[in-house]
Amino acid sequence: MVIPATIEEWEEWTGMRLPSSGGYIIKEGLVPLEIDKTMNKGVYVEPNVWMRHYLD
């Protein structure tokens, strides 16, 4: 799952200030939110795993 948004949107959604570029731990997040101040962008990339089950 990938959620790109502006820093302003991420600040509104998380209730946090995101004053500089870098990774931020967000409530209930599995991975850090990556913020890029020069691009005015935050991207949250949550990993997922697909499994295949064979039925006999």
PDB file of N, CA and C in Angstrom:
ATOM      1  N   MET A   1       0.850  -1.164   0.000  1.00  0.00           N
ATOM      2  CA  MET A   1       0.000   0.000   0.000  1.00  0.00           C
ATOM      3  C   MET A   1       0.903   1.236   0.000  1.00  0.00           C
ATOM      4  N   VAL A   2       0.639   2.144  -0.901  1.00  0.00           N
ATOM      5  CA  VAL A   2       1.415   3.378  -0.998  1.00  0.00           C
ATOM      6  C   VAL A   2       0.455   4.560  -0.874  1.00  0.00           C
ATOM      7  N   ILE A   3       0.752   5.469   0.062  1.00  0.00           N
ATOM      8  CA  ILE A   3      -0.093   6.650   0.261  1.00  0.00           C
ATOM      9  C   ILE A   3       0.773   7.898   0.141  1.00  0.00           C
ATOM     10  N   PRO A   4       0.766   8.545  -1.032  1.00  0.00           N
ATOM     11  CA  PRO A   4       1.480   9.808  -1.186  1.00  0.00           C
ATOM     12  C   PRO A   4       0.531  10.978  -0.884  1.00  0.00           C
ATOM     13  N   ALA A   5       1.052  12.018  -0.267  1.00  0.00           N
ATOM     14  CA  ALA A   5       0.238  13.202   0.029  1.00  0.00           C
ATOM     15  C   ALA A   5       1.166  14.369   0.362  1.00  0.00           C
ATOM     16  N   THR A   6       0.587  15.561   0.408  1.00  0.00           N
ATOM     17  CA  THR A   6       1.372  16.729   0.789  1.00  0.00           C
ATOM     18  C   THR A   6       1.689  16.661   2.283  1.00  0.00           C
ATOM     19  N   ILE A   7       2.681  17.425   2.684  1.00  0.00           N
ATOM     20  CA  ILE A   7       3.036  17.467   4.100  1.00  0.00           C
ATOM     21  C   ILE A   7       1.870  18.021   4.917  1.00  0.00           C
ATOM     22  N   GLU A   8       1.200  19.010   4.394  1.00  0.00           N
ATOM     23  CA  GLU A   8       0.039  19.582   5.089  1.00  0.00           C
ATOM     24  C   GLU A   8      -1.032  18.515   5.327  1.00  0.00           C
ATOM     25  N   GLU A   9      -1.302  17.694   4.331  1.00  0.00           N
ATOM     26  CA  GLU A   9      -2.293  16.624   4.500  1.00  0.00           C
ATOM     27  C   GLU A   9      -1.840  15.628   5.568  1.00  0.00           C
ATOM     28  N   TRP A  10      -0.550  15.232   5.527  1.00  0.00           N
ATOM     29  CA  TRP A  10      -0.044  14.291   6.525  1.00  0.00           C
ATOM     30  C   TRP A  10      -0.108  14.885   7.927  1.00  0.00           C
ATOM     31  N   GLU A  11       0.183  16.172   8.060  1.00  0.00           N
ATOM     32  CA  GLU A  11       0.092  16.812   9.377  1.00  0.00           C
ATOM     33  C   GLU A  11      -1.340  16.805   9.877  1.00  0.00           C
ATOM     34  N   GLU A  12      -2.294  17.041   8.991  1.00  0.00           N
ATOM     35  CA  GLU A  12      -3.712  17.020   9.370  1.00  0.00           C
ATOM     36  C   GLU A  12      -4.136  15.607   9.775  1.00  0.00           C
ATOM     37  N   TRP A  13      -3.785  14.619   8.982  1.00  0.00           N
ATOM     38  CA  TRP A  13      -4.198  13.240   9.239  1.00  0.00           C
ATOM     39  C   TRP A  13      -3.584  12.666  10.505  1.00  0.00           C
ATOM     40  N   THR A  14      -2.300  13.003  10.763  1.00  0.00           N
ATOM     41  CA  THR A  14      -1.601  12.406  11.900  1.00  0.00           C
ATOM     42  C   THR A  14      -1.686  13.235  13.172  1.00  0.00           C
ATOM     43  N   GLY A  15      -2.030  14.525  13.040  1.00  0.00           N
ATOM     44  CA  GLY A  15      -2.023  15.407  14.200  1.00  0.00           C
ATOM     45  C   GLY A  15      -0.616  15.717  14.676  1.00  0.00           C
ATOM     46  N   MET A  16       0.369  15.526  13.795  1.00  0.00           N
ATOM     47  CA  MET A  16       1.773  15.749  14.136  1.00  0.00           C
ATOM     48  C   MET A  16       2.342  16.900  13.318  1.00  0.00           C
ATOM     49  N   ARG A  17       3.373  17.556  13.871  1.00  0.00           N
ATOM     50  CA  ARG A  17       4.163  18.492  13.082  1.00  0.00           C
ATOM     51  C   ARG A  17       5.275  17.700  12.425  1.00  0.00           C
ATOM     52  N   LEU A  18       5.516  17.987  11.162  1.00  0.00           N
ATOM     53  CA  LEU A  18       6.557  17.302  10.397  1.00  0.00           C
ATOM     54  C   LEU A  18       7.508  18.364   9.870  1.00  0.00           C
ATOM     55  N   PRO A  19       8.387  18.881  10.738  1.00  0.00           N
ATOM     56  CA  PRO A  19       9.181  20.063  10.418  1.00  0.00           C
ATOM     57  C   PRO A  19      10.384  19.862   9.496  1.00  0.00           C
ATOM     58  N   SER A  20      10.822  18.616   9.306  1.00  0.00           N
ATOM     59  CA  SER A  20      12.013  18.408   8.470  1.00  0.00           C
ATOM     60  C   SER A  20      11.912  17.093   7.713  1.00  0.00           C
ATOM     61  N   SER A  21      12.757  16.951   6.722  1.00  0.00           N
ATOM     62  CA  SER A  21      12.799  15.715   5.940  1.00  0.00           C
ATOM     63  C   SER A  21      13.296  14.564   6.813  1.00  0.00           C
ATOM     64  N   GLY A  22      12.803  13.364   6.506  1.00  0.00           N
ATOM     65  CA  GLY A  22      13.235  12.176   7.236  1.00  0.00           C
ATOM     66  C   GLY A  22      12.076  11.252   7.517  1.00  0.00           C
ATOM     67  N   GLY A  23      12.339  10.245   8.306  1.00  0.00           N
ATOM     68  CA  GLY A  23      11.317   9.271   8.668  1.00  0.00           C
ATOM     69  C   GLY A  23      10.641   9.613   9.982  1.00  0.00           C
ATOM     70  N   TYR A  24       9.335   9.423  10.048  1.00  0.00           N
ATOM     71  CA  TYR A  24       8.551   9.699  11.258  1.00  0.00           C
ATOM     72  C   TYR A  24       7.718   8.473  11.605  1.00  0.00           C
ATOM     73  N   ILE A  25       7.715   8.127  12.877  1.00  0.00           N
ATOM     74  CA  ILE A  25       6.873   7.042  13.353  1.00  0.00           C
ATOM     75  C   ILE A  25       5.469   7.606  13.551  1.00  0.00           C
ATOM     76  N   ILE A  26       4.492   6.979  12.900  1.00  0.00           N
ATOM     77  CA  ILE A  26       3.111   7.434  13.042  1.00  0.00           C
ATOM     78  C   ILE A  26       2.300   6.373  13.778  1.00  0.00           C
ATOM     79  N   LYS A  27       1.287   6.821  14.481  1.00  0.00           N
ATOM     80  CA  LYS A  27       0.446   5.924  15.272  1.00  0.00           C
ATOM     81  C   LYS A  27      -0.145   4.843  14.375  1.00  0.00           C
ATOM     82  N   GLU A  28       0.006   3.605  14.812  1.00  0.00           N
ATOM     83  CA  GLU A  28      -0.513   2.425  14.134  1.00  0.00           C
ATOM     84  C   GLU A  28       0.125   2.166  12.767  1.00  0.00           C
ATOM     85  N   GLY A  29       1.222   2.834  12.471  1.00  0.00           N
ATOM     86  CA  GLY A  29       1.932   2.579  11.224  1.00  0.00           C
ATOM     87  C   GLY A  29       2.871   1.389  11.383  1.00  0.00           C
ATOM     88  N   LEU A  30       3.043   0.635  10.321  1.00  0.00           N
ATOM     89  CA  LEU A  30       3.959  -0.504  10.348  1.00  0.00           C
ATOM     90  C   LEU A  30       5.376  -0.097   9.981  1.00  0.00           C
ATOM     91  N   VAL A  31       5.504   1.001   9.254  1.00  0.00           N
ATOM     92  CA  VAL A  31       6.808   1.514   8.821  1.00  0.00           C
ATOM     93  C   VAL A  31       6.797   3.028   8.995  1.00  0.00           C
ATOM     94  N   PRO A  32       7.959   3.657   9.006  1.00  0.00           N
ATOM     95  CA  PRO A  32       7.985   5.121   9.122  1.00  0.00           C
ATOM     96  C   PRO A  32       7.399   5.818   7.890  1.00  0.00           C
ATOM     97  N   LEU A  33       6.808   6.953   8.126  1.00  0.00           N
ATOM     98  CA  LEU A  33       6.364   7.856   7.073  1.00  0.00           C
ATOM     99  C   LEU A  33       7.579   8.641   6.614  1.00  0.00           C
ATOM    100  N   GLU A  34       7.857   8.652   5.325  1.00  0.00           N
ATOM    101  CA  GLU A  34       9.017   9.363   4.786  1.00  0.00           C
ATOM    102  C   GLU A  34       8.580  10.738   4.280  1.00  0.00           C
ATOM    103  N   ILE A  35       9.197  11.783   4.835  1.00  0.00           N
ATOM    104  CA  ILE A  35       8.879  13.162   4.491  1.00  0.00           C
ATOM    105  C   ILE A  35      10.024  13.776   3.698  1.00  0.00           C
ATOM    106  N   ASP A  36       9.673  14.477   2.609  1.00  0.00           N
ATOM    107  CA  ASP A  36      10.648  15.218   1.799  1.00  0.00           C
ATOM    108  C   ASP A  36      10.174  16.667   1.734  1.00  0.00           C
ATOM    109  N   LYS A  37      10.800  17.528   2.542  1.00  0.00           N
ATOM    110  CA  LYS A  37      10.378  18.935   2.612  1.00  0.00           C
ATOM    111  C   LYS A  37      10.589  19.668   1.290  1.00  0.00           C
ATOM    112  N   THR A  38      11.673  19.374   0.568  1.00  0.00           N
ATOM    113  CA  THR A  38      11.935  20.087  -0.689  1.00  0.00           C
ATOM    114  C   THR A  38      10.882  19.773  -1.745  1.00  0.00           C
ATOM    115  N   MET A  39      10.296  18.585  -1.691  1.00  0.00           N
ATOM    116  CA  MET A  39       9.251  18.192  -2.644  1.00  0.00           C
ATOM    117  C   MET A  39       7.847  18.427  -2.083  1.00  0.00           C
ATOM    118  N   ASN A  40       7.750  18.861  -0.798  1.00  0.00           N
ATOM    119  CA  ASN A  40       6.472  19.028  -0.109  1.00  0.00           C
ATOM    120  C   ASN A  40       5.641  17.752  -0.221  1.00  0.00           C
ATOM    121  N   LYS A  41       6.290  16.624   0.112  1.00  0.00           N
ATOM    122  CA  LYS A  41       5.623  15.343  -0.073  1.00  0.00           C
ATOM    123  C   LYS A  41       5.947  14.411   1.077  1.00  0.00           C
ATOM    124  N   GLY A  42       4.947  13.649   1.471  1.00  0.00           N
ATOM    125  CA  GLY A  42       5.130  12.553   2.401  1.00  0.00           C
ATOM    126  C   GLY A  42       4.627  11.291   1.733  1.00  0.00           C
ATOM    127  N   VAL A  43       5.353  10.197   1.923  1.00  0.00           N
ATOM    128  CA  VAL A  43       4.935   8.924   1.325  1.00  0.00           C
ATOM    129  C   VAL A  43       5.016   7.838   2.389  1.00  0.00           C
ATOM    130  N   TYR A  44       3.914   7.137   2.535  1.00  0.00           N
ATOM    131  CA  TYR A  44       3.849   5.994   3.433  1.00  0.00           C
ATOM    132  C   TYR A  44       3.761   4.755   2.555  1.00  0.00           C
ATOM    133  N   VAL A  45       4.720   3.839   2.703  1.00  0.00           N
ATOM    134  CA  VAL A  45       4.732   2.605   1.916  1.00  0.00           C
ATOM    135  C   VAL A  45       4.668   1.442   2.891  1.00  0.00           C
ATOM    136  N   GLU A  46       3.499   0.813   2.953  1.00  0.00           N
ATOM    137  CA  GLU A  46       3.306  -0.308   3.866  1.00  0.00           C
ATOM    138  C   GLU A  46       3.486  -1.612   3.096  1.00  0.00           C
ATOM    139  N   PRO A  47       4.385  -2.462   3.559  1.00  0.00           N
ATOM    140  CA  PRO A  47       4.623  -3.719   2.843  1.00  0.00           C
ATOM    141  C   PRO A  47       3.433  -4.663   2.971  1.00  0.00           C
ATOM    142  N   ASN A  48       3.319  -5.540   2.002  1.00  0.00           N
ATOM    143  CA  ASN A  48       2.310  -6.590   2.104  1.00  0.00           C
ATOM    144  C   ASN A  48       2.916  -7.883   1.606  1.00  0.00           C
ATOM    145  N   VAL A  49       2.328  -8.958   1.996  1.00  0.00           N
ATOM    146  CA  VAL A  49       2.820 -10.278   1.621  1.00  0.00           C
ATOM    147  C   VAL A  49       1.669 -11.057   1.013  1.00  0.00           C
ATOM    148  N   TRP A  50       1.919 -11.637  -0.132  1.00  0.00           N
ATOM    149  CA  TRP A  50       0.928 -12.486  -0.783  1.00  0.00           C
ATOM    150  C   TRP A  50       1.353 -13.932  -0.592  1.00  0.00           C
ATOM    151  N   MET A  51       0.403 -14.770  -0.227  1.00  0.00           N
ATOM    152  CA  MET A  51       0.680 -16.185  -0.045  1.00  0.00           C
ATOM    153  C   MET A  51      -0.266 -16.993  -0.913  1.00  0.00           C
ATOM    154  N   ARG A  52       0.254 -18.072  -1.443  1.00  0.00           N
ATOM    155  CA  ARG A  52      -0.570 -18.952  -2.254  1.00  0.00           C
ATOM    156  C   ARG A  52      -0.765 -20.245  -1.463  1.00  0.00           C
ATOM    157  N   HIS A  53      -2.022 -20.648  -1.314  1.00  0.00           N
ATOM    158  CA  HIS A  53      -2.352 -21.889  -0.615  1.00  0.00           C
ATOM    159  C   HIS A  53      -2.955 -22.848  -1.628  1.00  0.00           C
ATOM    160  N   TYR A  54      -2.424 -24.035  -1.664  1.00  0.00           N
ATOM    161  CA  TYR A  54      -2.942 -25.047  -2.574  1.00  0.00           C
ATOM    162  C   TYR A  54      -3.929 -25.923  -1.828  1.00  0.00           C
ATOM    163  N   LEU A  55      -5.063 -26.156  -2.446  1.00  0.00           N
ATOM    164  CA  LEU A  55      -6.087 -27.038  -1.873  1.00  0.00           C
ATOM    165  C   LEU A  55      -6.036 -28.363  -2.611  1.00  0.00           C
ATOM    166  N   ASP A  56      -6.093 -29.444  -1.868  1.00  0.00           N
ATOM    167  CA  ASP A  56      -6.076 -30.771  -2.491  1.00  0.00           C
ATOM    168  C   ASP A  56      -7.459 -31.189  -2.891  1.00  0.00           C
TER     169      ASP A  56
END
